[in-house]
Amino acid sequence: MNQSAETEALKKDLEQLRRDLKALADAVKHSTQERAQEHLNSARETFEGARQSASRQAEHLGEEIKARPFTSVLTAFGVGLLLGKLLGR
């Protein structure tokens, strides 16, 4: 094999290597984007579940306050007094 043929073979091998590396980089990028999207969707679902739960808890608390206003005021006063003592130190 002469030097020109070896050079051409090397050029072809390098070009194939470039294509393979580009394909690998594209595959990694695509895989990373898919995983990021999956995590984002999971986070959105978790947030939505937490938001709904907080909304139900707030609704339940509002119903409890309406059902027992005097007890609610005394409880709020007691918690405020306790927090004031703890934070006042």
PDB file of N, CA and C in Angstrom:
ATOM      1  N   MET A   1       0.850  -1.174   0.000  1.00  0.00           N
ATOM      2  CA  MET A   1       0.000   0.000   0.000  1.00  0.00           C
ATOM      3  C   MET A   1       0.896   1.237   0.000  1.00  0.00           C
ATOM      4  N   ASN A   2       0.586   2.157  -0.871  1.00  0.00           N
ATOM      5  CA  ASN A   2       1.429   3.353  -0.930  1.00  0.00           C
ATOM      6  C   ASN A   2       0.929   4.395   0.063  1.00  0.00           C
ATOM      7  N   GLN A   3       1.713   5.442   0.214  1.00  0.00           N
ATOM      8  CA  GLN A   3       1.426   6.459   1.204  1.00  0.00           C
ATOM      9  C   GLN A   3       0.114   7.187   0.901  1.00  0.00           C
ATOM     10  N   SER A   4      -0.205   7.429  -0.350  1.00  0.00           N
ATOM     11  CA  SER A   4      -1.432   8.108  -0.739  1.00  0.00           C
ATOM     12  C   SER A   4      -2.655   7.275  -0.352  1.00  0.00           C
ATOM     13  N   ALA A   5      -2.592   5.975  -0.575  1.00  0.00           N
ATOM     14  CA  ALA A   5      -3.701   5.088  -0.212  1.00  0.00           C
ATOM     15  C   ALA A   5      -3.863   5.031   1.299  1.00  0.00           C
ATOM     16  N   GLU A   6      -2.762   5.024   2.022  1.00  0.00           N
ATOM     17  CA  GLU A   6      -2.818   5.015   3.492  1.00  0.00           C
ATOM     18  C   GLU A   6      -3.425   6.320   4.002  1.00  0.00           C
ATOM     19  N   THR A   7      -3.055   7.424   3.383  1.00  0.00           N
ATOM     20  CA  THR A   7      -3.596   8.731   3.769  1.00  0.00           C
ATOM     21  C   THR A   7      -5.099   8.772   3.519  1.00  0.00           C
ATOM     22  N   GLU A   8      -5.526   8.273   2.382  1.00  0.00           N
ATOM     23  CA  GLU A   8      -6.964   8.246   2.068  1.00  0.00           C
ATOM     24  C   GLU A   8      -7.715   7.350   3.057  1.00  0.00           C
ATOM     25  N   ALA A   9      -7.145   6.202   3.383  1.00  0.00           N
ATOM     26  CA  ALA A   9      -7.782   5.292   4.339  1.00  0.00           C
ATOM     27  C   ALA A   9      -7.879   5.958   5.711  1.00  0.00           C
ATOM     28  N   LEU A  10      -6.828   6.658   6.105  1.00  0.00           N
ATOM     29  CA  LEU A  10      -6.827   7.367   7.380  1.00  0.00           C
ATOM     30  C   LEU A  10      -7.879   8.473   7.390  1.00  0.00           C
ATOM     31  N   LYS A  11      -7.990   9.200   6.263  1.00  0.00           N
ATOM     32  CA  LYS A  11      -9.005  10.254   6.157  1.00  0.00           C
ATOM     33  C   LYS A  11     -10.410   9.663   6.291  1.00  0.00           C
ATOM     34  N   LYS A  12     -10.641   8.534   5.636  1.00  0.00           N
ATOM     35  CA  LYS A  12     -11.951   7.876   5.720  1.00  0.00           C
ATOM     36  C   LYS A  12     -12.231   7.413   7.143  1.00  0.00           C
ATOM     37  N   ASP A  13     -11.213   6.848   7.793  1.00  0.00           N
ATOM     38  CA  ASP A  13     -11.383   6.396   9.182  1.00  0.00           C
ATOM     39  C   ASP A  13     -11.686   7.567  10.111  1.00  0.00           C
ATOM     40  N   LEU A  14     -10.985   8.684   9.900  1.00  0.00           N
ATOM     41  CA  LEU A  14     -11.230   9.872  10.727  1.00  0.00           C
ATOM     42  C   LEU A  14     -12.637  10.423  10.493  1.00  0.00           C
ATOM     43  N   GLU A  15     -13.060  10.424   9.250  1.00  0.00           N
ATOM     44  CA  GLU A  15     -14.415  10.907   8.945  1.00  0.00           C
ATOM     45  C   GLU A  15     -15.466   9.999   9.591  1.00  0.00           C
ATOM     46  N   GLN A  16     -15.246   8.710   9.536  1.00  0.00           N
ATOM     47  CA  GLN A  16     -16.174   7.765  10.180  1.00  0.00           C
ATOM     48  C   GLN A  16     -16.175   7.967  11.696  1.00  0.00           C
ATOM     49  N   LEU A  17     -14.992   8.200  12.259  1.00  0.00           N
ATOM     50  CA  LEU A  17     -14.890   8.470  13.692  1.00  0.00           C
ATOM     51  C   LEU A  17     -15.661   9.733  14.059  1.00  0.00           C
ATOM     52  N   ARG A  18     -15.545  10.789  13.241  1.00  0.00           N
ATOM     53  CA  ARG A  18     -16.303  12.025  13.488  1.00  0.00           C
ATOM     54  C   ARG A  18     -17.807  11.759  13.466  1.00  0.00           C
ATOM     55  N   ARG A  19     -18.262  10.996  12.478  1.00  0.00           N
ATOM     56  CA  ARG A  19     -19.702  10.677  12.388  1.00  0.00           C
ATOM     57  C   ARG A  19     -20.147   9.869  13.603  1.00  0.00           C
ATOM     58  N   ASP A  20     -19.330   8.896  14.004  1.00  0.00           N
ATOM     59  CA  ASP A  20     -19.675   8.077  15.166  1.00  0.00           C
ATOM     60  C   ASP A  20     -19.731   8.913  16.441  1.00  0.00           C
ATOM     61  N   LEU A  21     -18.769   9.806  16.614  1.00  0.00           N
ATOM     62  CA  LEU A  21     -18.763  10.665  17.801  1.00  0.00           C
ATOM     63  C   LEU A  21     -19.962  11.614  17.809  1.00  0.00           C
ATOM     64  N   LYS A  22     -20.310  12.132  16.635  1.00  0.00           N
ATOM     65  CA  LYS A  22     -21.490  13.002  16.555  1.00  0.00           C
ATOM     66  C   LYS A  22     -22.755  12.225  16.905  1.00  0.00           C
ATOM     67  N   ALA A  23     -22.863  11.009  16.381  1.00  0.00           N
ATOM     68  CA  ALA A  23     -24.023  10.171  16.690  1.00  0.00           C
ATOM     69  C   ALA A  23     -24.080   9.862  18.185  1.00  0.00           C
ATOM     70  N   LEU A  24     -22.929   9.581  18.773  1.00  0.00           N
ATOM     71  CA  LEU A  24     -22.877   9.300  20.209  1.00  0.00           C
ATOM     72  C   LEU A  24     -23.278  10.536  21.016  1.00  0.00           C
ATOM     73  N   ALA A  25     -22.756  11.689  20.629  1.00  0.00           N
ATOM     74  CA  ALA A  25     -23.103  12.938  21.326  1.00  0.00           C
ATOM     75  C   ALA A  25     -24.594  13.227  21.201  1.00  0.00           C
ATOM     76  N   ASP A  26     -25.158  13.015  20.021  1.00  0.00           N
ATOM     77  CA  ASP A  26     -26.597  13.227  19.825  1.00  0.00           C
ATOM     78  C   ASP A  26     -27.416  12.274  20.689  1.00  0.00           C
ATOM     79  N   ALA A  27     -26.969  11.022  20.776  1.00  0.00           N
ATOM     80  CA  ALA A  27     -27.689  10.034  21.584  1.00  0.00           C
ATOM     81  C   ALA A  27     -27.639  10.400  23.062  1.00  0.00           C
ATOM     82  N   VAL A  28     -26.480  10.839  23.535  1.00  0.00           N
ATOM     83  CA  VAL A  28     -26.350  11.253  24.939  1.00  0.00           C
ATOM     84  C   VAL A  28     -27.228  12.470  25.208  1.00  0.00           C
ATOM     85  N   LYS A  29     -27.215  13.430  24.288  1.00  0.00           N
ATOM     86  CA  LYS A  29     -28.032  14.638  24.444  1.00  0.00           C
ATOM     87  C   LYS A  29     -29.512  14.267  24.505  1.00  0.00           C
ATOM     88  N   HIS A  30     -29.944  13.419  23.594  1.00  0.00           N
ATOM     89  CA  HIS A  30     -31.347  13.001  23.548  1.00  0.00           C
ATOM     90  C   HIS A  30     -31.737  12.273  24.837  1.00  0.00           C
ATOM     91  N   SER A  31     -30.883  11.367  25.280  1.00  0.00           N
ATOM     92  CA  SER A  31     -31.146  10.610  26.505  1.00  0.00           C
ATOM     93  C   SER A  31     -31.226  11.540  27.716  1.00  0.00           C
ATOM     94  N   THR A  32     -30.322  12.498  27.782  1.00  0.00           N
ATOM     95  CA  THR A  32     -30.304  13.450  28.890  1.00  0.00           C
ATOM     96  C   THR A  32     -31.571  14.304  28.880  1.00  0.00           C
ATOM     97  N   GLN A  33     -31.988  14.740  27.701  1.00  0.00           N
ATOM     98  CA  GLN A  33     -33.202  15.550  27.598  1.00  0.00           C
ATOM     99  C   GLN A  33     -34.421  14.741  28.019  1.00  0.00           C
ATOM    100  N   GLU A  34     -34.469  13.471  27.628  1.00  0.00           N
ATOM    101  CA  GLU A  34     -35.601  12.628  28.018  1.00  0.00           C
ATOM    102  C   GLU A  34     -35.652  12.460  29.532  1.00  0.00           C
ATOM    103  N   ARG A  35     -34.494  12.185  30.142  1.00  0.00           N
ATOM    104  CA  ARG A  35     -34.469  12.011  31.595  1.00  0.00           C
ATOM    105  C   ARG A  35     -34.841  13.307  32.305  1.00  0.00           C
ATOM    106  N   ALA A  36     -34.357  14.429  31.800  1.00  0.00           N
ATOM    107  CA  ALA A  36     -34.694  15.715  32.408  1.00  0.00           C
ATOM    108  C   ALA A  36     -36.196  15.967  32.315  1.00  0.00           C
ATOM    109  N   GLN A  37     -36.794  15.641  31.174  1.00  0.00           N
ATOM    110  CA  GLN A  37     -38.235  15.822  31.010  1.00  0.00           C
ATOM    111  C   GLN A  37     -39.012  14.909  31.956  1.00  0.00           C
ATOM    112  N   GLU A  38     -38.543  13.672  32.122  1.00  0.00           N
ATOM    113  CA  GLU A  38     -39.193  12.744  33.051  1.00  0.00           C
ATOM    114  C   GLU A  38     -39.146  13.288  34.476  1.00  0.00           C
ATOM    115  N   HIS A  39     -37.979  13.816  34.877  1.00  0.00           N
ATOM    116  CA  HIS A  39     -37.847  14.379  36.227  1.00  0.00           C
ATOM    117  C   HIS A  39     -38.724  15.617  36.392  1.00  0.00           C
ATOM    118  N   LEU A  40     -38.794  16.421  35.355  1.00  0.00           N
ATOM    119  CA  LEU A  40     -39.639  17.610  35.401  1.00  0.00           C
ATOM    120  C   LEU A  40     -41.105  17.220  35.550  1.00  0.00           C
ATOM    121  N   ASN A  41     -41.544  16.226  34.780  1.00  0.00           N
ATOM    122  CA  ASN A  41     -42.927  15.760  34.885  1.00  0.00           C
ATOM    123  C   ASN A  41     -43.206  15.197  36.276  1.00  0.00           C
ATOM    124  N   SER A  42     -42.266  14.446  36.811  1.00  0.00           N
ATOM    125  CA  SER A  42     -42.424  13.888  38.152  1.00  0.00           C
ATOM    126  C   SER A  42     -42.524  15.004  39.195  1.00  0.00           C
ATOM    127  N   ALA A  43     -41.678  16.017  39.059  1.00  0.00           N
ATOM    128  CA  ALA A  43     -41.715  17.147  39.999  1.00  0.00           C
ATOM    129  C   ALA A  43     -43.044  17.887  39.899  1.00  0.00           C
ATOM    130  N   ARG A  44     -43.541  18.054  38.681  1.00  0.00           N
ATOM    131  CA  ARG A  44     -44.842  18.731  38.510  1.00  0.00           C
ATOM    132  C   ARG A  44     -45.963  17.934  39.168  1.00  0.00           C
ATOM    133  N   GLU A  45     -45.938  16.608  38.999  1.00  0.00           N
ATOM    134  CA  GLU A  45     -46.958  15.764  39.614  1.00  0.00           C
ATOM    135  C   GLU A  45     -46.881  15.842  41.134  1.00  0.00           C
ATOM    136  N   THR A  46     -45.659  15.816  41.668  1.00  0.00           N
ATOM    137  CA  THR A  46     -45.474  15.912  43.114  1.00  0.00           C
ATOM    138  C   THR A  46     -45.964  17.254  43.629  1.00  0.00           C
ATOM    139  N   PHE A  47     -45.616  18.327  42.921  1.00  0.00           N
ATOM    140  CA  PHE A  47     -46.055  19.662  43.318  1.00  0.00           C
ATOM    141  C   PHE A  47     -47.571  19.759  43.288  1.00  0.00           C
ATOM    142  N   GLU A  48     -48.172  19.235  42.229  1.00  0.00           N
ATOM    143  CA  GLU A  48     -49.635  19.297  42.114  1.00  0.00           C
ATOM    144  C   GLU A  48     -50.302  18.517  43.251  1.00  0.00           C
ATOM    145  N   GLY A  49     -49.758  17.354  43.570  1.00  0.00           N
ATOM    146  CA  GLY A  49     -50.294  16.567  44.686  1.00  0.00           C
ATOM    147  C   GLY A  49     -50.166  17.317  46.004  1.00  0.00           C
ATOM    148  N   ALA A  50     -49.013  17.938  46.225  1.00  0.00           N
ATOM    149  CA  ALA A  50     -48.799  18.700  47.457  1.00  0.00           C
ATOM    150  C   ALA A  50     -49.728  19.913  47.510  1.00  0.00           C
ATOM    151  N   ARG A  51     -49.923  20.563  46.359  1.00  0.00           N
ATOM    152  CA  ARG A  51     -50.807  21.731  46.312  1.00  0.00           C
ATOM    153  C   ARG A  51     -52.247  21.339  46.644  1.00  0.00           C
ATOM    154  N   GLN A  52     -52.691  20.223  46.076  1.00  0.00           N
ATOM    155  CA  GLN A  52     -54.046  19.754  46.344  1.00  0.00           C
ATOM    156  C   GLN A  52     -54.208  19.361  47.812  1.00  0.00           C
ATOM    157  N   SER A  53     -53.199  18.705  48.353  1.00  0.00           N
ATOM    158  CA  SER A  53     -53.246  18.313  49.754  1.00  0.00           C
ATOM    159  C   SER A  53     -53.292  19.540  50.666  1.00  0.00           C
ATOM    160  N   ALA A  54     -52.460  20.538  50.364  1.00  0.00           N
ATOM    161  CA  ALA A  54     -52.455  21.770  51.157  1.00  0.00           C
ATOM    162  C   ALA A  54     -53.808  22.473  51.055  1.00  0.00           C
ATOM    163  N   SER A  55     -54.392  22.452  49.874  1.00  0.00           N
ATOM    164  CA  SER A  55     -55.701  23.082  49.687  1.00  0.00           C
ATOM    165  C   SER A  55     -56.762  22.373  50.528  1.00  0.00           C
ATOM    166  N   ARG A  56     -56.722  21.043  50.521  1.00  0.00           N
ATOM    167  CA  ARG A  56     -57.683  20.284  51.343  1.00  0.00           C
ATOM    168  C   ARG A  56     -57.467  20.553  52.831  1.00  0.00           C
ATOM    169  N   GLN A  57     -56.204  20.617  53.241  1.00  0.00           N
ATOM    170  CA  GLN A  57     -55.898  20.889  54.654  1.00  0.00           C
ATOM    171  C   GLN A  57     -56.399  22.280  55.063  1.00  0.00           C
ATOM    172  N   ALA A  58     -56.180  23.269  54.195  1.00  0.00           N
ATOM    173  CA  ALA A  58     -56.634  24.632  54.488  1.00  0.00           C
ATOM    174  C   ALA A  58     -58.161  24.684  54.563  1.00  0.00           C
ATOM    175  N   GLU A  59     -58.807  23.964  53.673  1.00  0.00           N
ATOM    176  CA  GLU A  59     -60.267  23.910  53.677  1.00  0.00           C
ATOM    177  C   GLU A  59     -60.770  23.262  54.973  1.00  0.00           C
ATOM    178  N   HIS A  60     -60.117  22.176  55.353  1.00  0.00           N
ATOM    179  CA  HIS A  60     -60.499  21.472  56.593  1.00  0.00           C
ATOM    180  C   HIS A  60     -60.272  22.375  57.809  1.00  0.00           C
ATOM    181  N   LEU A  61     -59.147  23.082  57.820  1.00  0.00           N
ATOM    182  CA  LEU A  61     -58.862  23.986  58.927  1.00  0.00           C
ATOM    183  C   LEU A  61     -59.906  25.094  59.004  1.00  0.00           C
ATOM    184  N   GLY A  62     -60.284  25.622  57.837  1.00  0.00           N
ATOM    185  CA  GLY A  62     -61.322  26.658  57.817  1.00  0.00           C
ATOM    186  C   GLY A  62     -62.641  26.147  58.372  1.00  0.00           C
ATOM    187  N   GLU A  63     -62.995  24.917  58.043  1.00  0.00           N
ATOM    188  CA  GLU A  63     -64.224  24.312  58.568  1.00  0.00           C
ATOM    189  C   GLU A  63     -64.139  24.128  60.079  1.00  0.00           C
ATOM    190  N   GLU A  64     -62.962  23.716  60.570  1.00  0.00           N
ATOM    191  CA  GLU A  64     -62.775  23.541  62.016  1.00  0.00           C
ATOM    192  C   GLU A  64     -62.901  24.873  62.745  1.00  0.00           C
ATOM    193  N   ILE A  65     -62.333  25.917  62.153  1.00  0.00           N
ATOM    194  CA  ILE A  65     -62.418  27.248  62.782  1.00  0.00           C
ATOM    195  C   ILE A  65     -63.869  27.717  62.827  1.00  0.00           C
ATOM    196  N   LYS A  66     -64.612  27.490  61.747  1.00  0.00           N
ATOM    197  CA  LYS A  66     -66.029  27.878  61.738  1.00  0.00           C
ATOM    198  C   LYS A  66     -66.831  27.073  62.748  1.00  0.00           C
ATOM    199  N   ALA A  67     -66.507  25.805  62.893  1.00  0.00           N
ATOM    200  CA  ALA A  67     -67.252  24.938  63.811  1.00  0.00           C
ATOM    201  C   ALA A  67     -66.937  25.260  65.273  1.00  0.00           C
ATOM    202  N   ARG A  68     -65.701  25.663  65.558  1.00  0.00           N
ATOM    203  CA  ARG A  68     -65.283  25.928  66.939  1.00  0.00           C
ATOM    204  C   ARG A  68     -64.495  27.239  67.010  1.00  0.00           C
ATOM    205  N   PRO A  69     -65.161  28.367  66.843  1.00  0.00           N
ATOM    206  CA  PRO A  69     -64.425  29.647  66.786  1.00  0.00           C
ATOM    207  C   PRO A  69     -63.731  29.996  68.112  1.00  0.00           C
ATOM    208  N   PHE A  70     -64.377  29.757  69.227  1.00  0.00           N
ATOM    209  CA  PHE A  70     -63.793  30.111  70.518  1.00  0.00           C
ATOM    210  C   PHE A  70     -62.544  29.269  70.797  1.00  0.00           C
ATOM    211  N   THR A  71     -62.641  27.965  70.547  1.00  0.00           N
ATOM    212  CA  THR A  71     -61.497  27.074  70.743  1.00  0.00           C
ATOM    213  C   THR A  71     -60.357  27.462  69.804  1.00  0.00           C
ATOM    214  N   SER A  72     -60.690  27.853  68.589  1.00  0.00           N
ATOM    215  CA  SER A  72     -59.671  28.243  67.609  1.00  0.00           C
ATOM    216  C   SER A  72     -58.927  29.490  68.059  1.00  0.00           C
ATOM    217  N   VAL A  73     -59.674  30.464  68.598  1.00  0.00           N
ATOM    218  CA  VAL A  73     -59.043  31.699  69.071  1.00  0.00           C
ATOM    219  C   VAL A  73     -58.133  31.397  70.254  1.00  0.00           C
ATOM    220  N   LEU A  74     -58.601  30.583  71.182  1.00  0.00           N
ATOM    221  CA  LEU A  74     -57.767  30.230  72.339  1.00  0.00           C
ATOM    222  C   LEU A  74     -56.514  29.451  71.905  1.00  0.00           C
ATOM    223  N   THR A  75     -56.676  28.556  70.971  1.00  0.00           N
ATOM    224  CA  THR A  75     -55.525  27.794  70.471  1.00  0.00           C
ATOM    225  C   THR A  75     -54.524  28.720  69.800  1.00  0.00           C
ATOM    226  N   ALA A  76     -55.005  29.632  68.960  1.00  0.00           N
ATOM    227  CA  ALA A  76     -54.122  30.578  68.284  1.00  0.00           C
ATOM    228  C   ALA A  76     -53.402  31.464  69.298  1.00  0.00           C
ATOM    229  N   PHE A  77     -54.128  31.897  70.323  1.00  0.00           N
ATOM    230  CA  PHE A  77     -53.520  32.710  71.376  1.00  0.00           C
ATOM    231  C   PHE A  77     -52.427  31.924  72.097  1.00  0.00           C
ATOM    232  N   GLY A  78     -52.725  30.664  72.441  1.00  0.00           N
ATOM    233  CA  GLY A  78     -51.746  29.818  73.140  1.00  0.00           C
ATOM    234  C   GLY A  78     -50.500  29.567  72.294  1.00  0.00           C
ATOM    235  N   VAL A  79     -50.695  29.301  71.033  1.00  0.00           N
ATOM    236  CA  VAL A  79     -49.549  29.074  70.144  1.00  0.00           C
ATOM    237  C   VAL A  79     -48.734  30.357  70.018  1.00  0.00           C
ATOM    238  N   GLY A  80     -49.401  31.492  69.883  1.00  0.00           N
ATOM    239  CA  GLY A  80     -48.699  32.772  69.787  1.00  0.00           C
ATOM    240  C   GLY A  80     -47.914  33.077  71.051  1.00  0.00           C
ATOM    241  N   LEU A  81     -48.502  32.798  72.195  1.00  0.00           N
ATOM    242  CA  LEU A  81     -47.832  33.012  73.478  1.00  0.00           C
ATOM    243  C   LEU A  81     -46.598  32.121  73.590  1.00  0.00           C
ATOM    244  N   LEU A  82     -46.759  30.860  73.227  1.00  0.00           N
ATOM    245  CA  LEU A  82     -45.641  29.914  73.276  1.00  0.00           C
ATOM    246  C   LEU A  82     -44.514  30.346  72.330  1.00  0.00           C
ATOM    247  N   LEU A  83     -44.848  30.717  71.113  1.00  0.00           N
ATOM    248  CA  LEU A  83     -43.841  31.182  70.157  1.00  0.00           C
ATOM    249  C   LEU A  83     -43.156  32.449  70.658  1.00  0.00           C
ATOM    250  N   GLY A  84     -43.937  33.337  71.275  1.00  0.00           N
ATOM    251  CA  GLY A  84     -43.367  34.563  71.819  1.00  0.00           C
ATOM    252  C   GLY A  84     -42.347  34.267  72.921  1.00  0.00           C
ATOM    253  N   LYS A  85     -42.662  33.332  73.770  1.00  0.00           N
ATOM    254  CA  LYS A  85     -41.723  32.928  74.832  1.00  0.00           C
ATOM    255  C   LYS A  85     -40.454  32.303  74.257  1.00  0.00           C
ATOM    256  N   LEU A  86     -40.634  31.409  73.264  1.00  0.00           N
ATOM    257  CA  LEU A  86     -39.493  30.727  72.664  1.00  0.00           C
ATOM    258  C   LEU A  86     -38.597  31.683  71.892  1.00  0.00           C
ATOM    259  N   LEU A  87     -39.198  32.591  71.143  1.00  0.00           N
ATOM    260  CA  LEU A  87     -38.419  33.520  70.323  1.00  0.00           C
ATOM    261  C   LEU A  87     -37.887  34.707  71.121  1.00  0.00           C
ATOM    262  N   GLY A  88     -38.490  34.968  72.266  1.00  0.00           N
ATOM    263  CA  GLY A  88     -38.073  36.089  73.104  1.00  0.00           C
ATOM    264  C   GLY A  88     -36.778  35.797  73.851  1.00  0.00           C
ATOM    265  N   ARG A  89     -36.334  34.584  73.865  1.00  0.00           N
ATOM    266  CA  ARG A  89     -35.119  34.224  74.623  1.00  0.00           C
ATOM    267  C   ARG A  89     -33.883  34.576  73.891  1.00  0.00           C
TER     268      ARG A  89
END
